[in-house]
Amino acid sequence: MTTAIQGLKPELMWKYFAGICDIPHQSKNEEAIRKWLVQLGESRGLEVRQDEVGNVLIAVPATKGYENAPTVVLQGHMDMVCEKNNDTVHNFDKDPIKLVREGDWITADGTTLGADNGIGVAAALAFLDDKDAIHGPLEILSTVDEETGLTGAFNLSNKLLTGKYMLNLDSEEDGALYVGCAGGADVKMHFNIVTAPVRATDKVVEISIKGLMGGHSGLNINENRGNALRILARMLKNLSDQNISWNLVKMDGGSAHNAIPREAMAQICVSGDNSQEAINNLENSFNQARVEYGKRETKMECMVKAIDVNLPVAYSRTLSDGVIDLMLLVPNGVLTMSQDLPDLVESSSNLATVKSDGKVLTVHISTRSSVGTVIPEIQQTAKIAGERCGADVEIGEGYPAWQPDMDSPLLAAGKVVFENLYGKQPLVKAIHAGLECGVIGEKFPGMQMLSFGPEIHGAHSPDEKVSIPTVERFWELLTALLKYIAEGKM
């Protein structure tokens, strides 16, 4: 057992989390962890069910004497967002996550931790071995590819589950019960790369932005964290405003549709006579952004320098302007706040990635809303901007919101159990992120669902960490709620 988790409670849960961290499980690369889950169930003689997309269900028998209790689904996703710091050497296809203990927190060494959602999957797996827990029949459902499109939930076989109650273990706030989530959809705007010749005297200037907080594009969008791509676009636009001619050579930024971009880079060509002026202007623009973000982004930094490269062509002037204008025109950040729940973001959009394959450059945004009709409106706005800037626009289909049911008996049970444990009422909330509950709920009408978890900060970034004391409380609440349901108190 890794020394970082030695002595932590509950021991079984931390043991399984460490086991998950030892197995590469990046989104769309879950084969190794899927086989591990199947082996865990089969080695104990338990029924293991799978569907065509790769979702795995392990059926755990009830504690003796509680066989007639209702079946409860314990649900989490087996994949993780994989991000690392630029100076961290790590291959997510084969290297284990290195756990680090920092006081009351578990984090990783320069990479995302994968507590989202490894800690939830570990909690469910602990029931394979816990002989003291009291529960009815359990269905431990681990879905694939949640982070890049809810693929497992969308393709979940409607014959895989029999439970009428589902506990989603993919929330990140201690002391809160979640009863709803936002829906979402993507928009991709594709530019065919058109080039233009360059002069022998032109110089290439490279701009590299890094050190921003990043984070989850739903959970952290209300914190006004810096978006590296947006800052980069502003810097380049300011060059044009100062009548400094330039053309894009290369641009890359962001890592995932559901992460706020922490890093971005671009190479531009400028007249050799203007290269130092361009460098000075770009540095001044970044310093302005640093002042604007102040205490929020204390580690943001930017390197601007002339580089020696073989440069036969650059992007055309029209294409260069179109890409930058689009990055500044697309909706980004919080758009509306909920009218029903205090401090809850209702609708948002995230300028997520800019990537090129050498022939096409793609600008990708991710939209969210708890009001279904708002998402098409945001997509339409992005479509108009994309087409005006010369891009071919691809509208994603998206995923549904999970509408709160404040009269749910499962929610009532959760509130009673929480108050019995801690002498106070839990926070009852909805989340501005895509939980699988919305999709699964559509496939299994009438299923009652509740989501909760320990305190996790910095999900989807190398700053991700999970609070040790809240993991123990999470386990305490989960086991107490399962016992409450098994004893027929609902």
Protein backbone atom coordinates (compact mmCIF):
# COMPACT_ATOMS: atom_id res chain seq x y z
CA MET A 1 0.00 0.00 0.00
CA THR A 2 1.35 3.41 -0.95
CA THR A 3 2.60 5.33 2.08
CA ALA A 4 0.39 8.32 1.22
CA ILE A 5 -2.75 6.47 2.37
CA GLN A 6 -1.34 4.40 5.22
CA GLY A 7 -3.58 4.55 8.28
CA LEU A 8 -6.43 6.35 6.52
CA LYS A 9 -10.03 5.37 7.19
CA PRO A 10 -12.02 3.66 5.79
CA GLU A 11 -9.16 1.35 4.92
CA LEU A 12 -11.02 -0.71 2.31
CA MET A 13 -12.11 2.35 0.40
CA TRP A 14 -8.61 3.86 0.32
CA LYS A 15 -7.17 0.49 -0.72
CA TYR A 16 -9.45 0.36 -3.74
CA PHE A 17 -8.73 3.98 -4.61
CA ALA A 18 -5.00 3.27 -4.63
CA GLY A 19 -5.69 0.24 -6.82
CA ILE A 20 -7.59 2.39 -9.30
CA CYS A 21 -4.74 4.92 -9.36
CA ASP A 22 -2.32 2.12 -10.29
CA ILE A 23 -4.27 1.37 -13.49
CA PRO A 24 -4.29 3.76 -16.48
CA HIS A 25 -7.89 4.83 -17.03
CA GLN A 26 -7.96 7.89 -19.24
CA SER A 27 -11.25 8.51 -21.03
CA LYS A 28 -11.55 6.15 -24.02
CA ASN A 29 -8.67 4.08 -22.63
CA GLU A 30 -10.54 2.12 -19.96
CA GLU A 31 -9.90 -1.44 -21.13
CA ALA A 32 -7.40 -2.22 -18.35
CA ILE A 33 -9.61 -0.94 -15.54
CA ARG A 34 -12.68 -2.57 -17.08
CA LYS A 35 -10.94 -5.96 -17.01
CA TRP A 36 -9.82 -5.30 -13.43
CA LEU A 37 -13.41 -4.59 -12.35
CA VAL A 38 -14.68 -7.74 -14.04
CA GLN A 39 -11.93 -9.78 -12.35
CA LEU A 40 -12.81 -8.33 -8.94
CA GLY A 41 -16.39 -9.48 -9.25
CA GLU A 42 -15.73 -12.86 -10.80
CA SER A 43 -12.97 -13.74 -8.33
CA ARG A 44 -15.57 -13.45 -5.55
CA GLY A 45 -18.12 -15.57 -7.38
CA LEU A 46 -20.41 -12.59 -7.96
CA GLU A 47 -22.61 -12.00 -10.97
CA VAL A 48 -20.92 -9.58 -13.38
CA ARG A 49 -22.92 -8.03 -16.20
CA GLN A 50 -21.52 -6.00 -19.09
CA ASP A 51 -23.00 -4.27 -22.09
CA GLU A 52 -21.65 -3.63 -25.57
CA VAL A 53 -20.11 -0.23 -24.80
CA GLY A 54 -18.08 -1.56 -21.85
CA ASN A 55 -20.10 -0.58 -18.78
CA VAL A 56 -19.57 -3.05 -15.93
CA LEU A 57 -22.09 -4.03 -13.26
CA ILE A 58 -21.20 -6.18 -10.23
CA ALA A 59 -24.18 -7.58 -8.34
CA VAL A 60 -23.53 -7.74 -4.58
CA PRO A 61 -25.92 -9.91 -2.52
CA ALA A 62 -27.76 -8.40 0.42
CA THR A 63 -26.52 -8.71 3.95
CA LYS A 64 -28.05 -11.86 5.45
CA GLY A 65 -31.59 -11.12 6.56
CA TYR A 66 -32.07 -8.17 4.17
CA GLU A 67 -32.59 -10.09 0.94
CA ASN A 68 -36.06 -8.59 0.43
CA ALA A 69 -34.88 -5.00 0.70
CA PRO A 70 -35.06 -2.90 -2.50
CA THR A 71 -32.05 -3.06 -4.79
CA VAL A 72 -29.86 0.05 -4.78
CA VAL A 73 -27.55 1.03 -7.65
CA LEU A 74 -24.19 2.52 -6.62
CA GLN A 75 -23.01 4.39 -9.70
CA GLY A 76 -19.76 6.03 -10.74
CA HIS A 77 -17.58 6.33 -13.84
CA MET A 78 -14.31 4.49 -14.37
CA ASP A 79 -12.52 7.10 -16.51
CA MET A 80 -10.61 10.22 -15.45
CA VAL A 81 -9.52 13.52 -17.00
CA CYS A 82 -5.76 13.36 -17.60
CA GLU A 83 -3.86 16.62 -17.29
CA LYS A 84 -0.31 17.30 -16.15
CA ASN A 85 1.96 20.23 -15.62
CA ASN A 86 4.33 21.01 -18.49
CA ASP A 87 7.37 20.08 -16.43
CA THR A 88 5.87 16.77 -15.21
CA VAL A 89 7.08 13.60 -16.92
CA HIS A 90 4.10 11.24 -16.99
CA ASN A 91 2.58 8.89 -19.56
CA PHE A 92 -1.12 8.45 -18.80
CA ASP A 93 -1.23 5.38 -21.08
CA LYS A 94 0.99 3.35 -18.75
CA ASP A 95 2.16 5.24 -15.65
CA PRO A 96 0.31 4.99 -12.31
CA ILE A 97 -0.90 8.14 -10.57
CA LYS A 98 1.57 9.00 -7.82
CA LEU A 99 -0.33 9.80 -4.63
CA VAL A 100 0.92 12.53 -2.30
CA ARG A 101 -0.37 13.36 1.18
CA GLU A 102 -0.40 17.05 2.10
CA GLY A 103 -1.86 17.49 5.56
CA ASP A 104 -5.55 16.61 5.39
CA TRP A 105 -5.52 16.21 1.62
CA ILE A 106 -4.53 13.56 -0.90
CA THR A 107 -3.27 14.93 -4.21
CA ALA A 108 -1.06 13.72 -7.06
CA ASP A 109 2.48 14.50 -8.15
CA GLY A 110 2.04 17.01 -10.99
CA THR A 111 -1.01 15.35 -12.55
CA THR A 112 -4.73 15.12 -12.08
CA LEU A 113 -5.57 12.80 -9.19
CA GLY A 114 -8.65 11.06 -10.57
CA ALA A 115 -10.62 11.38 -7.33
CA ASP A 116 -13.22 12.41 -9.89
CA ASN A 117 -14.52 9.71 -9.96
CA GLY A 118 -12.10 7.13 -8.61
CA ILE A 119 -13.06 7.87 -5.01
CA GLY A 120 -16.72 7.16 -5.77
CA VAL A 121 -15.95 3.91 -7.59
CA ALA A 122 -13.69 2.90 -4.68
CA ALA A 123 -16.51 3.51 -2.19
CA ALA A 124 -18.81 1.19 -4.13
CA LEU A 125 -16.14 -1.50 -4.48
CA ALA A 126 -15.51 -1.49 -0.73
CA PHE A 127 -18.85 -3.30 -0.33
CA LEU A 128 -17.29 -6.31 -2.04
CA ASP A 129 -15.30 -6.94 1.14
CA ASP A 130 -17.01 -5.09 3.99
CA LYS A 131 -18.63 -7.72 6.20
CA ASP A 132 -19.99 -5.21 8.71
CA ALA A 133 -22.08 -3.09 6.36
CA ILE A 134 -25.84 -3.66 6.38
CA HIS A 135 -27.50 -3.30 2.98
CA GLY A 136 -29.98 -4.84 0.62
CA PRO A 137 -28.99 -6.10 -2.85
CA LEU A 138 -26.51 -3.76 -4.54
CA GLU A 139 -25.72 -3.16 -8.20
CA ILE A 140 -22.30 -1.53 -8.56
CA LEU A 141 -22.38 0.22 -11.92
CA SER A 142 -19.13 1.62 -13.37
CA THR A 143 -19.63 3.47 -16.64
CA VAL A 144 -17.11 4.28 -19.36
CA ASP A 145 -16.11 7.59 -20.93
CA GLU A 146 -18.13 9.93 -18.75
CA GLU A 147 -15.67 12.78 -19.05
CA THR A 148 -15.62 13.19 -22.83
CA GLY A 149 -19.28 12.70 -23.67
CA LEU A 150 -21.18 10.50 -21.18
CA THR A 151 -20.70 7.67 -23.66
CA GLY A 152 -21.32 4.91 -21.15
CA ALA A 153 -24.51 6.46 -19.83
CA PHE A 154 -25.88 7.20 -23.30
CA ASN A 155 -25.25 3.63 -24.45
CA LEU A 156 -26.17 1.91 -21.19
CA SER A 157 -28.26 -1.18 -21.88
CA ASN A 158 -31.78 -0.73 -20.53
CA LYS A 159 -31.60 -4.34 -19.35
CA LEU A 160 -28.49 -3.90 -17.20
CA LEU A 161 -30.12 -2.41 -14.07
CA THR A 162 -32.93 -3.69 -11.89
CA GLY A 163 -32.62 -1.27 -8.94
CA LYS A 164 -35.30 1.36 -8.29
CA TYR A 165 -32.97 3.64 -6.32
CA MET A 166 -29.64 4.99 -7.52
CA LEU A 167 -26.89 6.70 -5.52
CA ASN A 168 -24.55 8.56 -7.85
CA LEU A 169 -21.17 8.87 -6.09
CA ASP A 170 -19.77 11.60 -8.34
CA SER A 171 -20.34 14.85 -6.42
CA GLU A 172 -17.56 16.92 -4.91
CA GLU A 173 -18.95 18.85 -1.94
CA ASP A 174 -18.99 17.64 1.65
CA GLY A 175 -22.32 18.05 3.42
CA ALA A 176 -24.41 18.41 0.26
CA LEU A 177 -27.02 16.18 -1.36
CA TYR A 178 -27.44 16.84 -5.07
CA VAL A 179 -30.82 16.42 -6.72
CA GLY A 180 -30.26 17.96 -10.15
CA CYS A 181 -27.63 18.80 -12.75
CA ALA A 182 -27.16 20.84 -15.90
CA GLY A 183 -27.44 19.50 -19.39
CA GLY A 184 -24.85 20.36 -21.98
CA ALA A 185 -23.75 20.27 -25.59
CA ASP A 186 -20.69 21.18 -27.63
CA VAL A 187 -20.04 23.31 -30.68
CA LYS A 188 -17.04 22.73 -32.93
CA MET A 189 -16.02 25.36 -35.46
CA HIS A 190 -13.64 24.15 -38.18
CA PHE A 191 -11.38 26.40 -40.27
CA ASN A 192 -9.76 25.00 -43.40
CA ILE A 193 -6.16 26.12 -43.16
CA VAL A 194 -5.31 28.56 -45.94
CA THR A 195 -1.70 29.66 -46.12
CA ALA A 196 0.15 32.70 -47.40
CA PRO A 197 3.81 33.17 -48.33
CA VAL A 198 6.21 34.85 -45.93
CA ARG A 199 9.18 37.09 -46.51
CA ALA A 200 12.72 35.99 -45.83
CA THR A 201 13.07 38.83 -43.34
CA ASP A 202 10.01 37.80 -41.28
CA LYS A 203 10.57 36.65 -37.72
CA VAL A 204 8.62 34.08 -35.73
CA VAL A 205 7.48 35.05 -32.25
CA GLU A 206 6.22 32.39 -29.84
CA ILE A 207 3.74 33.15 -27.06
CA SER A 208 3.33 30.55 -24.30
CA ILE A 209 0.83 31.04 -21.47
CA LYS A 210 0.77 28.67 -18.51
CA GLY A 211 0.23 28.44 -14.76
CA LEU A 212 -3.47 29.32 -14.71
CA MET A 213 -5.77 27.51 -12.28
CA GLY A 214 -7.93 25.86 -14.92
CA GLY A 215 -10.45 23.53 -13.34
CA HIS A 216 -13.85 22.10 -14.15
CA SER A 217 -15.73 24.15 -16.72
CA GLY A 218 -18.98 23.67 -14.82
CA LEU A 219 -18.04 23.59 -11.15
CA ASN A 220 -15.47 26.41 -11.36
CA ILE A 221 -16.98 28.59 -14.09
CA ASN A 222 -18.51 30.99 -11.54
CA GLU A 223 -15.10 31.78 -10.03
CA ASN A 224 -13.99 33.91 -12.98
CA ARG A 225 -10.78 31.96 -13.44
CA GLY A 226 -8.58 32.95 -16.33
CA ASN A 227 -9.05 31.19 -19.66
CA ALA A 228 -5.64 30.87 -21.32
CA LEU A 229 -7.13 30.80 -24.83
CA ARG A 230 -9.20 33.91 -24.26
CA ILE A 231 -6.19 35.78 -22.85
CA LEU A 232 -4.08 34.70 -25.83
CA ALA A 233 -6.73 35.90 -28.28
CA ARG A 234 -6.90 39.29 -26.56
CA MET A 235 -3.13 39.64 -26.76
CA LEU A 236 -3.11 38.94 -30.49
CA LYS A 237 -6.08 41.19 -31.17
CA ASN A 238 -4.27 44.01 -29.42
CA LEU A 239 -1.40 43.66 -31.91
CA SER A 240 -3.81 44.38 -34.73
CA ASP A 241 -5.30 47.31 -32.82
CA GLN A 242 -1.78 48.77 -32.59
CA ASN A 243 -1.31 48.37 -36.36
CA ILE A 244 1.34 45.68 -35.98
CA SER A 245 0.91 43.25 -38.86
CA TRP A 246 1.12 39.54 -38.04
CA ASN A 247 0.00 36.11 -39.24
CA LEU A 248 -0.63 32.94 -37.31
CA VAL A 249 1.80 30.08 -37.81
CA LYS A 250 0.54 27.72 -35.14
CA MET A 251 -1.93 27.71 -32.24
CA ASP A 252 -2.75 25.15 -29.58
CA GLY A 253 -4.51 25.38 -26.24
CA GLY A 254 -6.79 23.63 -23.79
CA SER A 255 -6.94 19.92 -23.11
CA ALA A 256 -10.59 18.86 -22.76
CA HIS A 257 -14.07 20.15 -23.47
CA ASN A 258 -14.93 20.17 -19.77
CA ALA A 259 -11.80 21.90 -18.47
CA ILE A 260 -11.05 25.61 -18.34
CA PRO A 261 -7.85 26.03 -20.39
CA ARG A 262 -4.80 26.39 -18.18
CA GLU A 263 -2.27 26.71 -20.98
CA ALA A 264 -2.14 28.01 -24.55
CA MET A 265 0.51 28.79 -27.12
CA ALA A 266 0.77 30.44 -30.50
CA GLN A 267 3.46 31.17 -33.02
CA ILE A 268 3.10 34.21 -35.26
CA CYS A 269 5.25 35.75 -37.93
CA VAL A 270 5.91 39.47 -38.01
CA SER A 271 8.11 41.75 -40.01
CA GLY A 272 11.67 41.58 -38.77
CA ASP A 273 11.59 45.32 -38.23
CA ASN A 274 8.58 44.97 -35.93
CA SER A 275 9.56 41.87 -33.97
CA GLN A 276 10.75 43.62 -30.82
CA GLU A 277 7.80 46.00 -30.88
CA ALA A 278 5.47 42.99 -31.18
CA ILE A 279 7.18 41.25 -28.26
CA ASN A 280 6.89 44.36 -26.09
CA ASN A 281 3.23 44.80 -27.01
CA LEU A 282 2.37 41.17 -26.22
CA GLU A 283 4.12 41.34 -22.87
CA ASN A 284 2.26 44.53 -21.97
CA SER A 285 -1.06 42.93 -22.92
CA PHE A 286 -0.37 39.93 -20.70
CA ASN A 287 0.61 42.17 -17.81
CA GLN A 288 -2.75 43.92 -18.14
CA ALA A 289 -4.49 40.56 -17.89
CA ARG A 290 -2.39 39.69 -14.84
CA VAL A 291 -3.60 42.86 -13.13
CA GLU A 292 -7.23 42.09 -14.01
CA TYR A 293 -7.11 38.60 -12.52
CA GLY A 294 -5.17 39.82 -9.48
CA LYS A 295 -5.33 37.40 -6.57
CA ARG A 296 -7.32 34.77 -8.48
CA GLU A 297 -4.46 33.77 -10.77
CA THR A 298 -1.27 34.25 -8.79
CA LYS A 299 0.78 31.72 -10.78
CA MET A 300 -0.11 32.77 -14.32
CA GLU A 301 2.90 33.48 -16.52
CA CYS A 302 3.71 34.13 -20.15
CA MET A 303 6.88 33.68 -22.19
CA VAL A 304 7.20 35.75 -25.37
CA LYS A 305 10.30 35.25 -27.48
CA ALA A 306 11.64 35.23 -31.04
CA ILE A 307 12.52 31.73 -32.25
CA ASP A 308 14.45 30.32 -35.19
CA VAL A 309 12.30 28.00 -37.32
CA ASN A 310 12.09 27.04 -40.97
CA LEU A 311 9.03 29.02 -42.07
CA PRO A 312 7.90 28.46 -45.67
CA VAL A 313 4.31 29.67 -45.14
CA ALA A 314 1.97 31.09 -42.48
CA TYR A 315 -1.81 31.25 -42.12
CA SER A 316 -3.48 33.76 -44.41
CA ARG A 317 -4.41 37.16 -43.03
CA THR A 318 -8.13 36.37 -43.36
CA LEU A 319 -7.77 33.07 -41.52
CA SER A 320 -5.63 34.58 -38.77
CA ASP A 321 -8.19 37.33 -38.15
CA GLY A 322 -11.10 34.89 -38.35
CA VAL A 323 -9.69 32.54 -35.72
CA ILE A 324 -8.89 35.31 -33.24
CA ASP A 325 -12.19 37.13 -33.79
CA LEU A 326 -14.11 33.89 -33.20
CA MET A 327 -12.22 33.17 -29.97
CA LEU A 328 -13.32 36.58 -28.72
CA LEU A 329 -16.89 36.39 -30.02
CA VAL A 330 -18.02 32.98 -28.76
CA PRO A 331 -19.86 33.03 -25.41
CA ASN A 332 -17.50 32.32 -22.53
CA GLY A 333 -18.11 32.21 -18.79
CA VAL A 334 -21.31 32.55 -16.76
CA LEU A 335 -24.31 33.59 -18.87
CA THR A 336 -27.30 33.33 -16.48
CA MET A 337 -27.92 32.46 -12.82
CA SER A 338 -30.67 30.20 -11.48
CA GLN A 339 -33.95 31.79 -10.45
CA ASP A 340 -34.74 28.90 -8.08
CA LEU A 341 -31.55 27.98 -6.21
CA PRO A 342 -29.25 30.63 -4.73
CA ASP A 343 -25.73 30.99 -6.16
CA LEU A 344 -26.33 28.29 -8.78
CA VAL A 345 -25.15 29.00 -12.31
CA GLU A 346 -27.98 28.29 -14.73
CA SER A 347 -26.18 28.66 -18.07
CA SER A 348 -22.56 28.98 -19.15
CA SER A 349 -20.15 28.43 -22.01
CA ASN A 350 -16.47 27.51 -22.04
CA LEU A 351 -13.97 28.26 -24.81
CA ALA A 352 -12.35 24.88 -24.30
CA THR A 353 -9.77 23.97 -26.94
CA VAL A 354 -8.10 25.13 -30.13
CA LYS A 355 -6.42 22.29 -32.02
CA SER A 356 -5.02 21.75 -35.52
CA ASP A 357 -4.21 18.62 -37.52
CA GLY A 358 -2.27 20.59 -40.13
CA LYS A 359 -5.21 20.85 -42.50
CA VAL A 360 -8.04 22.03 -40.26
CA LEU A 361 -7.98 24.19 -37.13
CA THR A 362 -10.89 23.58 -34.74
CA VAL A 363 -12.25 25.89 -32.05
CA HIS A 364 -14.32 23.90 -29.54
CA ILE A 365 -16.73 25.32 -26.98
CA SER A 366 -18.78 23.52 -24.32
CA THR A 367 -22.18 24.87 -23.29
CA ARG A 368 -24.22 24.03 -20.18
CA SER A 369 -27.64 24.90 -18.83
CA SER A 370 -30.20 23.49 -16.41
CA VAL A 371 -32.88 24.88 -18.77
CA GLY A 372 -33.04 22.70 -21.85
CA THR A 373 -34.15 25.40 -24.27
CA VAL A 374 -31.21 27.66 -23.45
CA ILE A 375 -28.52 25.32 -24.81
CA PRO A 376 -29.73 25.54 -28.46
CA GLU A 377 -29.78 29.33 -28.09
CA ILE A 378 -26.14 29.40 -26.95
CA GLN A 379 -25.23 27.02 -29.76
CA GLN A 380 -27.00 29.26 -32.27
CA THR A 381 -25.03 32.28 -31.05
CA ALA A 382 -21.79 30.35 -31.49
CA LYS A 383 -22.91 29.16 -34.93
CA ILE A 384 -23.56 32.70 -36.10
CA ALA A 385 -20.17 33.83 -34.81
CA GLY A 386 -18.42 30.86 -36.40
CA GLU A 387 -20.01 31.35 -39.81
CA ARG A 388 -19.36 35.09 -39.78
CA CYS A 389 -15.69 34.34 -39.07
CA GLY A 390 -15.39 31.82 -41.90
CA ALA A 391 -15.72 28.51 -40.05
CA ASP A 392 -17.77 25.41 -40.80
CA VAL A 393 -19.88 24.80 -37.69
CA GLU A 394 -20.68 21.41 -36.14
CA ILE A 395 -23.48 21.39 -33.55
CA GLY A 396 -23.30 18.63 -30.93
CA GLU A 397 -26.41 16.80 -29.74
CA GLY A 398 -25.60 17.05 -26.03
CA TYR A 399 -27.03 15.43 -22.93
CA PRO A 400 -30.13 16.13 -20.81
CA ALA A 401 -30.41 17.93 -17.50
CA TRP A 402 -31.53 16.10 -14.36
CA GLN A 403 -34.57 17.91 -13.06
CA PRO A 404 -34.81 18.09 -9.25
CA ASP A 405 -37.59 16.14 -7.49
CA MET A 406 -37.85 17.79 -4.10
CA ASP A 407 -40.57 15.31 -3.04
CA SER A 408 -38.46 12.21 -3.68
CA PRO A 409 -38.62 9.65 -0.83
CA LEU A 410 -34.91 8.94 -1.45
CA LEU A 411 -34.08 12.59 -0.85
CA ALA A 412 -36.21 12.55 2.31
CA ALA A 413 -34.30 9.48 3.51
CA GLY A 414 -30.97 11.14 2.79
CA LYS A 415 -31.96 14.20 4.81
CA VAL A 416 -33.10 12.11 7.78
CA VAL A 417 -29.93 10.01 7.80
CA PHE A 418 -27.70 13.07 7.47
CA GLU A 419 -29.44 14.85 10.35
CA ASN A 420 -29.24 11.73 12.52
CA LEU A 421 -25.50 11.58 11.92
CA TYR A 422 -24.55 15.23 12.20
CA GLY A 423 -27.38 17.00 14.00
CA LYS A 424 -28.09 19.37 11.13
CA GLN A 425 -29.75 19.42 7.74
CA PRO A 426 -27.63 18.84 4.62
CA LEU A 427 -27.42 21.35 1.83
CA VAL A 428 -29.78 20.29 -0.95
CA LYS A 429 -28.39 21.49 -4.24
CA ALA A 430 -28.16 21.12 -7.98
CA ILE A 431 -24.84 21.16 -9.79
CA HIS A 432 -23.74 23.11 -12.86
CA ALA A 433 -22.11 20.07 -14.40
CA GLY A 434 -23.18 17.00 -16.30
CA LEU A 435 -23.91 14.09 -14.01
CA GLU A 436 -24.92 10.80 -15.55
CA CYS A 437 -28.17 10.91 -13.58
CA GLY A 438 -29.90 12.91 -16.31
CA VAL A 439 -29.13 10.34 -18.99
CA ILE A 440 -29.70 7.26 -16.82
CA GLY A 441 -32.93 8.71 -15.48
CA GLU A 442 -34.29 8.98 -19.03
CA LYS A 443 -33.46 5.32 -19.67
CA PHE A 444 -35.06 4.10 -16.43
CA PRO A 445 -38.20 6.20 -15.84
CA GLY A 446 -39.28 6.38 -12.23
CA MET A 447 -35.86 5.63 -10.80
CA GLN A 448 -35.18 7.80 -7.73
CA MET A 449 -31.67 9.27 -7.66
CA LEU A 450 -29.42 11.12 -5.25
CA SER A 451 -25.81 12.24 -5.65
CA PHE A 452 -23.19 12.98 -2.99
CA GLY A 453 -19.47 12.67 -2.36
CA PRO A 454 -16.49 14.00 -0.39
CA GLU A 455 -14.86 17.40 -0.79
CA ILE A 456 -12.79 17.51 -3.99
CA HIS A 457 -11.02 20.66 -5.15
CA GLY A 458 -9.41 21.38 -8.52
CA ALA A 459 -11.00 18.54 -10.48
CA HIS A 460 -9.75 18.27 -14.08
CA SER A 461 -6.48 20.03 -13.21
CA PRO A 462 -3.14 18.99 -11.67
CA ASP A 463 -4.25 20.86 -8.54
CA GLU A 464 -6.94 18.23 -7.91
CA LYS A 465 -7.10 17.03 -4.31
CA VAL A 466 -9.53 15.20 -2.03
CA SER A 467 -10.13 15.98 1.63
CA ILE A 468 -9.24 13.05 3.90
CA PRO A 469 -11.72 13.81 6.73
CA THR A 470 -14.60 14.21 4.28
CA VAL A 471 -13.87 10.84 2.66
CA GLU A 472 -14.57 9.22 6.02
CA ARG A 473 -17.80 11.24 6.38
CA PHE A 474 -18.81 10.30 2.83
CA TRP A 475 -18.41 6.61 3.70
CA GLU A 476 -20.31 7.08 6.97
CA LEU A 477 -23.25 8.68 5.18
CA LEU A 478 -23.26 6.09 2.39
CA THR A 479 -23.29 3.10 4.75
CA ALA A 480 -25.90 4.68 7.03
CA LEU A 481 -28.21 5.48 4.11
CA LEU A 482 -27.94 1.95 2.70
CA LYS A 483 -28.79 0.54 6.13
CA TYR A 484 -31.77 2.92 6.43
CA ILE A 485 -33.11 1.75 3.06
CA ALA A 486 -32.47 -1.93 3.86
CA GLU A 487 -34.37 -1.64 7.14
CA GLY A 488 -37.44 -0.41 5.26
CA LYS A 489 -37.60 3.01 6.87
CA MET A 490 -38.37 4.90 3.67
